[in-house]
């Protein structure tokens, strides 16, 4: 029950911090503000401003791409489920050594068996390829959008600090 409360608190704090930074879709896809940057300095300043301004939207893009990457790699889902489920089952059902005939099966033995099967299965499912695809696709989309989108008029006032 306590774990459920922690999960709900985590989701609530995530919603308050990250999702509050979401900008409207009409602002994120405003085709009137799209233009080619004049030079590298302009592109760099746009990327710097837009990655902060649209950080919530970019987080959603990374999340959607991560879900897509998992859904298109079923073997990765199966291997992660096997490893995570194996850890949970061993912790829940085998906290004490188990006597089977003349053999004593301990948690260490069960974890070794889980790793002997799970690690090659995980390696075969190419998690590094999926990770690097996710990094590349996210970088391409985010940097492309951030460099092409002109900052709004509010960016001119972003450097002005309030007088106390």
Protein backbone atom coordinates (compact mmCIF):
# COMPACT_ATOMS: atom_id res chain seq x y z
CA UNK A 1 0.00 0.00 0.00
CA UNK A 2 2.87 2.35 0.82
CA UNK A 3 4.42 1.66 -2.59
CA UNK A 4 1.16 2.66 -4.26
CA UNK A 5 1.15 5.94 -2.36
CA UNK A 6 4.74 6.62 -3.43
CA UNK A 7 3.83 5.93 -7.06
CA UNK A 8 0.83 8.26 -6.94
CA UNK A 9 2.94 11.00 -5.31
CA UNK A 10 5.63 10.56 -7.96
CA UNK A 11 3.07 10.77 -10.76
CA UNK A 12 1.50 13.85 -9.15
CA UNK A 13 4.86 15.62 -8.80
CA UNK A 14 5.78 14.65 -12.38
CA UNK A 15 2.50 16.11 -13.62
CA UNK A 16 3.03 19.32 -11.65
CA UNK A 17 6.64 19.86 -12.70
CA UNK A 18 7.07 18.44 -16.21
CA UNK A 19 3.60 18.51 -17.70
CA UNK A 20 3.03 22.07 -16.51
CA UNK A 21 5.84 23.03 -18.92
CA UNK A 22 3.87 21.76 -21.92
CA UNK A 23 3.17 24.42 -24.49
CA UNK A 24 0.00 24.33 -26.58
CA UNK A 25 0.14 22.26 -29.78
CA UNK A 26 -0.77 25.34 -31.83
CA UNK A 27 2.29 27.13 -30.46
CA UNK A 28 4.57 24.10 -30.85
CA UNK A 29 3.57 23.61 -34.50
CA UNK A 30 3.21 27.31 -35.44
CA UNK A 31 4.25 27.24 -39.11
CA UNK A 32 4.43 31.05 -39.24
CA UNK A 33 7.48 30.99 -36.93
CA UNK A 34 9.46 28.43 -38.94
CA UNK A 35 12.44 29.81 -40.83
CA UNK A 36 15.93 28.78 -41.79
CA UNK A 37 18.52 30.18 -39.36
CA UNK A 38 20.85 32.73 -40.93
CA UNK A 39 24.04 31.24 -39.49
CA UNK A 40 25.35 28.84 -36.86
CA UNK A 41 25.15 31.45 -34.09
CA UNK A 42 21.47 32.03 -34.78
CA UNK A 43 20.81 28.29 -34.85
CA UNK A 44 22.69 27.82 -31.57
CA UNK A 45 20.79 30.60 -29.82
CA UNK A 46 17.47 29.23 -31.12
CA UNK A 47 18.35 25.74 -29.90
CA UNK A 48 19.39 27.11 -26.51
CA UNK A 49 16.16 29.06 -26.06
CA UNK A 50 13.72 26.55 -27.59
CA UNK A 51 15.03 23.54 -25.68
CA UNK A 52 14.24 25.35 -22.45
CA UNK A 53 10.97 26.84 -23.68
CA UNK A 54 9.57 23.62 -25.19
CA UNK A 55 11.19 21.21 -22.70
CA UNK A 56 7.86 19.62 -21.76
CA UNK A 57 6.92 19.04 -25.39
CA UNK A 58 10.34 17.57 -26.14
CA UNK A 59 9.97 15.25 -23.15
CA UNK A 60 6.69 14.00 -24.57
CA UNK A 61 8.40 13.39 -27.93
CA UNK A 62 11.14 11.33 -26.26
CA UNK A 63 8.50 9.38 -24.31
CA UNK A 64 6.45 8.62 -27.42
CA UNK A 65 9.56 7.52 -29.31
CA UNK A 66 10.57 5.28 -26.37
CA UNK A 67 7.15 3.61 -26.33
CA UNK A 68 7.35 3.16 -30.11
CA UNK A 69 10.83 1.63 -29.81
CA UNK A 70 9.61 -0.84 -27.19
CA UNK A 71 6.48 -1.76 -29.13
CA UNK A 72 8.49 -2.50 -32.26
CA UNK A 73 11.01 -4.67 -30.38
CA UNK A 74 8.94 -7.47 -28.82
CA UNK A 75 12.00 -9.50 -27.89
CA UNK A 76 13.22 -6.61 -25.73
CA UNK A 77 9.86 -6.44 -23.96
CA UNK A 78 9.92 -10.20 -23.36
CA UNK A 79 13.50 -10.21 -22.06
CA UNK A 80 12.90 -7.22 -19.76
CA UNK A 81 9.69 -8.83 -18.52
CA UNK A 82 11.54 -12.09 -17.90
CA UNK A 83 14.31 -10.40 -15.92
CA UNK A 84 12.09 -8.05 -13.92
CA UNK A 85 9.48 -10.74 -13.33
CA UNK A 86 12.22 -13.18 -12.31
CA UNK A 87 13.62 -10.74 -9.76
CA UNK A 88 10.16 -10.09 -8.35
CA UNK A 89 9.28 -13.81 -8.20
CA UNK A 90 12.56 -14.76 -6.52
CA UNK A 91 12.20 -12.00 -3.91
CA UNK A 92 8.56 -12.86 -3.23
CA UNK A 93 8.47 -16.66 -3.35
CA UNK A 94 12.00 -17.75 -2.43
CA UNK A 95 13.36 -15.60 0.40
CA UNK A 96 14.51 -18.71 2.29
CA UNK A 97 16.58 -21.62 0.95
CA UNK A 98 14.46 -24.43 -0.49
CA UNK A 99 15.21 -28.14 0.00
CA UNK A 100 14.54 -30.23 -3.14
CA UNK A 101 15.66 -33.82 -2.59
CA UNK A 102 19.30 -33.68 -1.59
CA UNK A 103 19.84 -30.22 -3.10
CA UNK A 104 19.45 -26.88 -1.33
CA UNK A 105 18.36 -24.11 -3.68
CA UNK A 106 19.20 -20.63 -2.42
CA UNK A 107 18.37 -17.18 -3.76
CA UNK A 108 21.91 -16.98 -5.10
CA UNK A 109 21.34 -20.13 -7.17
CA UNK A 110 18.05 -18.79 -8.51
CA UNK A 111 19.61 -15.43 -9.41
CA UNK A 112 22.46 -17.25 -11.18
CA UNK A 113 19.95 -19.25 -13.23
CA UNK A 114 18.00 -16.09 -14.00
CA UNK A 115 21.15 -14.36 -15.24
CA UNK A 116 22.33 -17.38 -17.26
CA UNK A 117 19.07 -17.33 -19.23
CA UNK A 118 18.14 -13.64 -19.02
CA UNK A 119 21.39 -11.91 -19.98
CA UNK A 120 21.85 -13.74 -23.33
CA UNK A 121 18.15 -13.17 -24.05
CA UNK A 122 18.57 -9.47 -23.27
CA UNK A 123 21.75 -9.27 -25.36
CA UNK A 124 19.98 -10.94 -28.29
CA UNK A 125 17.17 -8.38 -28.12
CA UNK A 126 19.69 -5.56 -28.87
CA UNK A 127 18.90 -2.99 -26.18
CA UNK A 128 21.90 -0.85 -27.19
CA UNK A 129 20.61 -0.57 -30.75
CA UNK A 130 17.21 0.49 -29.44
CA UNK A 131 18.82 3.00 -27.06
CA UNK A 132 21.00 4.56 -29.74
CA UNK A 133 18.06 4.69 -32.17
CA UNK A 134 16.08 6.51 -29.48
CA UNK A 135 18.92 8.99 -28.86
CA UNK A 136 19.43 9.60 -32.59
CA UNK A 137 15.76 9.96 -33.49
CA UNK A 138 15.07 12.22 -30.50
CA UNK A 139 18.12 14.39 -31.21
CA UNK A 140 17.23 14.74 -34.87
CA UNK A 141 13.63 15.77 -34.17
CA UNK A 142 14.36 18.04 -31.21
CA UNK A 143 17.39 19.81 -32.68
CA UNK A 144 15.64 20.15 -36.04
CA UNK A 145 12.54 21.70 -34.49
CA UNK A 146 14.52 23.90 -32.09
CA UNK A 147 16.78 25.29 -34.81
CA UNK A 148 13.98 25.99 -37.29
CA UNK A 149 11.50 27.56 -34.85
CA UNK A 150 11.99 31.30 -34.33
CA UNK A 151 11.73 32.30 -30.67
CA UNK A 152 8.64 34.31 -29.79
CA UNK A 153 8.68 37.94 -28.79
CA UNK A 154 8.86 36.86 -25.13
CA UNK A 155 12.42 35.64 -25.74
CA UNK A 156 13.58 39.25 -25.96
CA UNK A 157 12.53 39.74 -22.35
CA UNK A 158 13.94 36.46 -21.06
CA UNK A 159 17.30 38.04 -20.27
CA UNK A 160 15.82 41.07 -18.52
CA UNK A 161 15.81 40.56 -14.74
CA UNK A 162 13.31 42.10 -12.43
CA UNK A 163 14.52 45.03 -10.34
CA UNK A 164 14.10 44.35 -6.67
